[in-house]
N, C-alpha and C. Protein backbone atom coordinates (compact mmCIF):
# COMPACT_ATOMS: atom_id res chain seq x y z
N GLN A 1 0.85 -1.18 0.00
CA GLN A 1 0.00 0.00 0.00
C GLN A 1 0.89 1.23 0.00
N VAL A 2 0.47 2.26 -0.72
CA VAL A 2 1.20 3.51 -0.76
C VAL A 2 0.22 4.66 -0.71
N GLN A 3 0.57 5.69 0.02
CA GLN A 3 -0.25 6.90 0.07
C GLN A 3 0.48 8.03 -0.64
N LEU A 4 -0.26 8.80 -1.41
CA LEU A 4 0.34 9.84 -2.25
C LEU A 4 -0.24 11.20 -1.91
N VAL A 5 0.63 12.18 -1.83
CA VAL A 5 0.20 13.55 -1.53
C VAL A 5 0.87 14.50 -2.52
N GLU A 6 0.07 15.18 -3.32
CA GLU A 6 0.59 16.13 -4.29
C GLU A 6 0.73 17.51 -3.66
N SER A 7 1.65 18.27 -4.23
CA SER A 7 1.83 19.66 -3.82
C SER A 7 2.41 20.45 -4.98
N GLY A 8 2.36 21.78 -4.86
CA GLY A 8 3.00 22.61 -5.85
C GLY A 8 2.06 23.28 -6.84
N GLY A 9 0.77 22.97 -6.75
CA GLY A 9 -0.16 23.61 -7.65
C GLY A 9 -0.32 25.09 -7.33
N GLY A 10 -1.00 25.80 -8.23
CA GLY A 10 -1.22 27.21 -8.00
C GLY A 10 -1.67 27.91 -9.25
N LEU A 11 -1.59 29.23 -9.20
CA LEU A 11 -1.99 30.08 -10.32
C LEU A 11 -0.75 30.63 -11.01
N VAL A 12 -0.70 30.53 -12.31
CA VAL A 12 0.45 30.99 -13.07
C VAL A 12 -0.05 31.59 -14.39
N GLN A 13 0.70 32.55 -14.90
CA GLN A 13 0.33 33.14 -16.18
C GLN A 13 0.77 32.25 -17.33
N ALA A 14 0.08 32.36 -18.44
CA ALA A 14 0.46 31.60 -19.63
C ALA A 14 1.91 31.89 -19.99
N GLY A 15 2.62 30.82 -20.34
CA GLY A 15 4.03 30.94 -20.63
C GLY A 15 4.93 30.70 -19.44
N GLY A 16 4.34 30.65 -18.28
CA GLY A 16 5.10 30.45 -17.06
C GLY A 16 5.37 28.99 -16.78
N SER A 17 5.98 28.74 -15.63
CA SER A 17 6.37 27.39 -15.24
C SER A 17 5.87 27.08 -13.83
N LEU A 18 5.73 25.80 -13.58
CA LEU A 18 5.29 25.33 -12.28
C LEU A 18 5.85 23.92 -12.08
N SER A 19 6.17 23.59 -10.85
CA SER A 19 6.63 22.24 -10.56
C SER A 19 5.69 21.59 -9.55
N LEU A 20 5.24 20.41 -9.87
CA LEU A 20 4.42 19.63 -8.97
C LEU A 20 5.27 18.53 -8.35
N SER A 21 4.98 18.22 -7.11
CA SER A 21 5.64 17.11 -6.44
C SER A 21 4.60 16.16 -5.88
N CYS A 22 4.99 14.92 -5.79
CA CYS A 22 4.12 13.90 -5.21
C CYS A 22 4.97 13.12 -4.21
N ALA A 23 4.60 13.22 -2.96
CA ALA A 23 5.31 12.51 -1.90
C ALA A 23 4.59 11.21 -1.59
N ALA A 24 5.35 10.14 -1.51
CA ALA A 24 4.77 8.83 -1.27
C ALA A 24 5.21 8.27 0.07
N SER A 25 4.29 7.60 0.72
CA SER A 25 4.63 6.94 1.97
C SER A 25 5.11 5.52 1.68
N GLY A 26 5.70 4.91 2.65
CA GLY A 26 6.10 3.51 2.49
C GLY A 26 7.53 3.35 2.03
N ARG A 27 8.07 2.16 2.29
CA ARG A 27 9.48 1.91 1.99
C ARG A 27 9.69 1.25 0.64
N THR A 28 8.61 1.03 -0.10
CA THR A 28 8.73 0.33 -1.37
C THR A 28 8.37 1.21 -2.55
N PHE A 29 8.58 2.51 -2.43
CA PHE A 29 8.22 3.44 -3.49
C PHE A 29 8.87 3.06 -4.80
N GLY A 30 10.09 2.58 -4.75
CA GLY A 30 10.80 2.20 -5.96
C GLY A 30 10.20 1.02 -6.68
N SER A 31 9.20 0.36 -6.10
CA SER A 31 8.53 -0.76 -6.73
C SER A 31 7.41 -0.34 -7.65
N TYR A 32 7.09 0.95 -7.65
CA TYR A 32 5.91 1.41 -8.37
C TYR A 32 6.26 2.29 -9.56
N ALA A 33 5.70 1.95 -10.71
CA ALA A 33 5.69 2.89 -11.82
C ALA A 33 4.69 3.99 -11.45
N MET A 34 4.99 5.21 -11.82
CA MET A 34 4.19 6.35 -11.40
C MET A 34 3.67 7.14 -12.60
N GLY A 35 2.56 7.81 -12.39
CA GLY A 35 1.98 8.61 -13.45
C GLY A 35 1.34 9.88 -12.93
N TRP A 36 1.19 10.82 -13.82
CA TRP A 36 0.43 12.05 -13.56
C TRP A 36 -0.75 12.08 -14.53
N PHE A 37 -1.90 12.38 -14.00
CA PHE A 37 -3.10 12.57 -14.79
C PHE A 37 -3.69 13.92 -14.42
N ARG A 38 -4.60 14.42 -15.25
CA ARG A 38 -5.23 15.68 -14.93
C ARG A 38 -6.68 15.67 -15.37
N GLN A 39 -7.48 16.47 -14.70
CA GLN A 39 -8.88 16.59 -15.06
C GLN A 39 -9.22 18.05 -15.22
N PRO A 40 -9.32 18.51 -16.47
CA PRO A 40 -9.72 19.91 -16.72
C PRO A 40 -11.16 20.13 -16.28
N PRO A 41 -11.53 21.36 -16.00
CA PRO A 41 -12.90 21.63 -15.56
C PRO A 41 -13.93 21.19 -16.59
N GLY A 42 -14.87 20.41 -16.15
CA GLY A 42 -15.95 19.95 -17.02
C GLY A 42 -15.56 18.87 -18.00
N LYS A 43 -14.36 18.32 -17.86
CA LYS A 43 -13.89 17.29 -18.79
C LYS A 43 -13.47 16.04 -18.05
N GLU A 44 -13.24 15.00 -18.82
CA GLU A 44 -12.78 13.75 -18.22
C GLU A 44 -11.29 13.81 -17.91
N SER A 45 -10.89 12.89 -17.05
CA SER A 45 -9.48 12.79 -16.70
C SER A 45 -8.67 12.36 -17.93
N GLU A 46 -7.44 12.85 -18.00
CA GLU A 46 -6.56 12.49 -19.12
C GLU A 46 -5.14 12.24 -18.64
N PHE A 47 -4.47 11.40 -19.36
CA PHE A 47 -3.07 11.07 -19.08
C PHE A 47 -2.18 12.26 -19.37
N VAL A 48 -1.19 12.47 -18.52
CA VAL A 48 -0.21 13.54 -18.72
C VAL A 48 1.19 12.97 -18.95
N ALA A 49 1.68 12.22 -17.99
CA ALA A 49 3.04 11.69 -18.07
C ALA A 49 3.17 10.51 -17.12
N ALA A 50 4.15 9.65 -17.40
CA ALA A 50 4.37 8.51 -16.54
C ALA A 50 5.84 8.11 -16.61
N ILE A 51 6.27 7.38 -15.57
CA ILE A 51 7.68 7.00 -15.46
C ILE A 51 7.79 5.62 -14.87
N SER A 52 8.77 4.86 -15.31
CA SER A 52 8.96 3.49 -14.84
C SER A 52 9.52 3.48 -13.42
N ARG A 53 9.60 2.30 -12.85
CA ARG A 53 10.09 2.15 -11.48
C ARG A 53 11.44 2.81 -11.27
N GLY A 54 12.35 2.49 -12.18
CA GLY A 54 13.71 2.99 -12.02
C GLY A 54 13.95 4.36 -12.64
N GLY A 55 12.95 4.85 -13.35
CA GLY A 55 13.09 6.16 -13.96
C GLY A 55 13.65 6.16 -15.38
N GLY A 56 13.99 4.99 -15.89
CA GLY A 56 14.63 4.92 -17.20
C GLY A 56 13.68 5.06 -18.38
N THR A 57 12.41 4.84 -18.13
CA THR A 57 11.40 4.94 -19.20
C THR A 57 10.36 5.98 -18.82
N THR A 58 10.13 6.91 -19.72
CA THR A 58 9.09 7.92 -19.50
C THR A 58 8.16 7.96 -20.71
N ASP A 59 6.99 8.50 -20.48
CA ASP A 59 6.00 8.62 -21.54
C ASP A 59 5.21 9.90 -21.29
N TYR A 60 4.85 10.56 -22.38
CA TYR A 60 4.14 11.83 -22.27
C TYR A 60 2.96 11.88 -23.23
N ALA A 61 1.94 12.56 -22.82
CA ALA A 61 0.85 12.86 -23.74
C ALA A 61 1.38 13.82 -24.80
N ASP A 62 0.86 13.72 -26.01
CA ASP A 62 1.33 14.60 -27.08
C ASP A 62 1.14 16.07 -26.72
N SER A 63 0.11 16.36 -25.97
CA SER A 63 -0.21 17.75 -25.65
C SER A 63 0.81 18.41 -24.72
N VAL A 64 1.62 17.60 -24.03
CA VAL A 64 2.60 18.18 -23.10
C VAL A 64 4.04 17.85 -23.46
N LYS A 65 4.22 17.01 -24.47
CA LYS A 65 5.57 16.59 -24.85
C LYS A 65 6.40 17.80 -25.23
N GLY A 66 7.61 17.85 -24.69
CA GLY A 66 8.49 18.97 -24.96
C GLY A 66 8.31 20.14 -24.00
N ARG A 67 7.22 20.11 -23.22
CA ARG A 67 6.99 21.18 -22.25
C ARG A 67 7.04 20.68 -20.81
N PHE A 68 6.62 19.43 -20.61
CA PHE A 68 6.59 18.85 -19.25
C PHE A 68 7.69 17.80 -19.13
N THR A 69 8.21 17.67 -17.92
CA THR A 69 9.22 16.65 -17.64
C THR A 69 8.86 15.94 -16.34
N ILE A 70 8.77 14.62 -16.41
CA ILE A 70 8.52 13.83 -15.22
C ILE A 70 9.84 13.25 -14.74
N SER A 71 10.01 13.20 -13.43
CA SER A 71 11.22 12.63 -12.86
C SER A 71 10.87 12.03 -11.51
N ARG A 72 11.78 11.22 -11.00
CA ARG A 72 11.53 10.63 -9.69
C ARG A 72 12.82 10.51 -8.91
N ASP A 73 12.69 10.53 -7.61
CA ASP A 73 13.82 10.33 -6.70
C ASP A 73 13.40 9.24 -5.73
N ASN A 74 13.81 8.02 -6.01
CA ASN A 74 13.36 6.90 -5.17
C ASN A 74 13.91 6.98 -3.75
N ALA A 75 15.04 7.63 -3.58
CA ALA A 75 15.60 7.77 -2.24
C ALA A 75 14.74 8.71 -1.38
N LYS A 76 14.05 9.63 -2.06
CA LYS A 76 13.21 10.59 -1.34
C LYS A 76 11.73 10.27 -1.46
N ASN A 77 11.42 9.13 -2.07
CA ASN A 77 10.02 8.73 -2.25
C ASN A 77 9.20 9.83 -2.92
N ALA A 78 9.70 10.34 -4.02
CA ALA A 78 9.02 11.45 -4.66
C ALA A 78 9.04 11.33 -6.17
N VAL A 79 7.99 11.81 -6.78
CA VAL A 79 7.93 11.96 -8.23
C VAL A 79 7.50 13.39 -8.51
N ASN A 80 8.14 13.97 -9.53
CA ASN A 80 7.94 15.38 -9.82
C ASN A 80 7.46 15.57 -11.25
N LEU A 81 6.80 16.70 -11.46
CA LEU A 81 6.38 17.07 -12.80
C LEU A 81 6.72 18.53 -13.01
N ARG A 82 7.69 18.76 -13.84
CA ARG A 82 8.09 20.13 -14.17
C ARG A 82 7.31 20.55 -15.39
N MET A 83 6.60 21.66 -15.28
CA MET A 83 5.74 22.13 -16.35
C MET A 83 6.21 23.50 -16.83
N ASN A 84 6.64 23.56 -18.07
CA ASN A 84 7.09 24.81 -18.68
C ASN A 84 6.14 25.24 -19.78
N SER A 85 6.26 26.49 -20.18
CA SER A 85 5.46 27.03 -21.28
C SER A 85 3.98 26.69 -21.09
N LEU A 86 3.49 26.96 -19.92
CA LEU A 86 2.12 26.58 -19.59
C LEU A 86 1.11 27.36 -20.42
N LYS A 87 0.01 26.67 -20.73
CA LYS A 87 -1.06 27.25 -21.53
C LYS A 87 -2.35 27.21 -20.72
N PRO A 88 -3.31 28.05 -21.05
CA PRO A 88 -4.60 28.00 -20.34
C PRO A 88 -5.23 26.61 -20.41
N ASP A 89 -5.00 25.88 -21.51
CA ASP A 89 -5.55 24.53 -21.63
C ASP A 89 -4.94 23.55 -20.64
N ASP A 90 -3.86 23.91 -19.99
CA ASP A 90 -3.26 23.06 -18.97
C ASP A 90 -3.98 23.19 -17.62
N THR A 91 -4.91 24.10 -17.53
CA THR A 91 -5.67 24.28 -16.30
C THR A 91 -6.43 23.00 -15.96
N ALA A 92 -6.21 22.48 -14.77
CA ALA A 92 -6.82 21.21 -14.37
C ALA A 92 -6.44 20.89 -12.93
N VAL A 93 -7.10 19.89 -12.40
CA VAL A 93 -6.63 19.28 -11.15
C VAL A 93 -5.68 18.16 -11.56
N TYR A 94 -4.49 18.18 -11.03
CA TYR A 94 -3.47 17.21 -11.37
C TYR A 94 -3.36 16.16 -10.27
N TYR A 95 -3.35 14.90 -10.71
CA TYR A 95 -3.31 13.78 -9.79
C TYR A 95 -2.06 12.94 -10.02
N CYS A 96 -1.47 12.52 -8.94
CA CYS A 96 -0.36 11.58 -8.95
C CYS A 96 -0.93 10.19 -8.72
N ALA A 97 -0.37 9.19 -9.39
CA ALA A 97 -0.88 7.83 -9.25
C ALA A 97 0.25 6.82 -9.31
N ALA A 98 0.05 5.70 -8.64
CA ALA A 98 1.03 4.62 -8.61
C ALA A 98 0.40 3.34 -9.15
N ARG A 99 1.13 2.64 -10.00
CA ARG A 99 0.66 1.35 -10.47
C ARG A 99 0.90 0.31 -9.38
N GLY A 100 0.29 -0.83 -9.54
CA GLY A 100 0.56 -1.93 -8.62
C GLY A 100 2.01 -2.37 -8.73
N SER A 101 2.52 -2.96 -7.68
CA SER A 101 3.94 -3.29 -7.62
C SER A 101 4.35 -4.37 -8.62
N ALA A 102 3.41 -5.01 -9.25
CA ALA A 102 3.73 -6.03 -10.24
C ALA A 102 4.14 -5.42 -11.58
N TYR A 103 3.95 -4.12 -11.75
CA TYR A 103 4.18 -3.47 -13.03
C TYR A 103 5.37 -2.51 -12.97
N ALA A 104 6.37 -2.79 -13.81
CA ALA A 104 7.57 -1.96 -13.80
C ALA A 104 7.45 -0.76 -14.73
N LEU A 105 6.64 -0.89 -15.76
CA LEU A 105 6.59 0.13 -16.80
C LEU A 105 5.41 1.08 -16.61
N PRO A 106 5.53 2.27 -17.17
CA PRO A 106 4.44 3.24 -17.06
C PRO A 106 3.28 2.85 -17.97
N SER A 107 2.15 3.46 -17.73
CA SER A 107 0.95 3.20 -18.52
C SER A 107 0.18 4.49 -18.72
N ARG A 108 -0.54 4.57 -19.85
CA ARG A 108 -1.39 5.74 -20.12
C ARG A 108 -2.81 5.50 -19.64
N THR A 109 -3.07 4.31 -19.15
CA THR A 109 -4.44 3.95 -18.77
C THR A 109 -4.66 4.17 -17.29
N SER A 110 -5.60 5.03 -16.97
CA SER A 110 -5.82 5.34 -15.55
C SER A 110 -6.26 4.12 -14.75
N GLY A 111 -6.97 3.22 -15.40
CA GLY A 111 -7.44 2.03 -14.70
C GLY A 111 -6.35 1.08 -14.26
N SER A 112 -5.15 1.27 -14.78
CA SER A 112 -4.05 0.41 -14.41
C SER A 112 -3.28 0.92 -13.20
N TYR A 113 -3.72 2.03 -12.66
CA TYR A 113 -3.09 2.61 -11.47
C TYR A 113 -3.92 2.27 -10.23
N ALA A 114 -3.24 1.81 -9.21
CA ALA A 114 -3.94 1.32 -8.02
C ALA A 114 -4.10 2.37 -6.94
N TYR A 115 -3.22 3.34 -6.92
CA TYR A 115 -3.22 4.31 -5.83
C TYR A 115 -3.20 5.73 -6.40
N TRP A 116 -3.96 6.59 -5.74
CA TRP A 116 -4.12 7.96 -6.24
C TRP A 116 -3.97 8.97 -5.11
N GLY A 117 -3.43 10.13 -5.46
CA GLY A 117 -3.42 11.24 -4.51
C GLY A 117 -4.72 12.01 -4.57
N GLN A 118 -4.79 13.05 -3.78
CA GLN A 118 -6.03 13.82 -3.67
C GLN A 118 -6.12 14.91 -4.74
N GLY A 119 -5.02 15.18 -5.41
CA GLY A 119 -5.01 16.17 -6.48
C GLY A 119 -4.58 17.54 -6.03
N THR A 120 -4.04 18.30 -6.96
CA THR A 120 -3.64 19.68 -6.72
C THR A 120 -4.06 20.52 -7.92
N GLN A 121 -4.60 21.70 -7.64
CA GLN A 121 -5.15 22.55 -8.70
C GLN A 121 -4.05 23.36 -9.37
N VAL A 122 -4.07 23.34 -10.69
CA VAL A 122 -3.19 24.19 -11.49
C VAL A 122 -4.08 25.07 -12.36
N THR A 123 -3.89 26.37 -12.25
CA THR A 123 -4.67 27.30 -13.04
C THR A 123 -3.73 28.19 -13.82
N VAL A 124 -3.92 28.21 -15.14
CA VAL A 124 -3.08 29.02 -16.02
C VAL A 124 -3.94 30.12 -16.60
N SER A 125 -3.58 31.35 -16.31
CA SER A 125 -4.36 32.49 -16.80
C SER A 125 -3.79 32.98 -18.12
N SER A 126 -4.67 33.51 -18.95
CA SER A 126 -4.23 33.97 -20.28
C SER A 126 -3.82 35.44 -20.23
């Protein structure tokens, strides 16, 4: 079992940057592939980025590729999402998620993630 707590959300102007962090409890954080998803207002949740257990494999949604960077520090039980060149369309609640420990690789499918944080709001003004 792992508990996830996101932080770092806020209000930023278009073109600005923001970094999100997700702190995980437990001593087996390195066993979990991790992902970030987001839910824009009035829309369904969507995949943003994901990273493998060891950090060697990453995956990004086309809409954020080249602007967002996912990383992890297994020693600190944390996964981060650096967001640059933010756009108003990036406005959403951002969620951190962990896959089950049987899965080493990231996934774009929200249903494949077993644990979720409570979310953090990111608002990008135009």
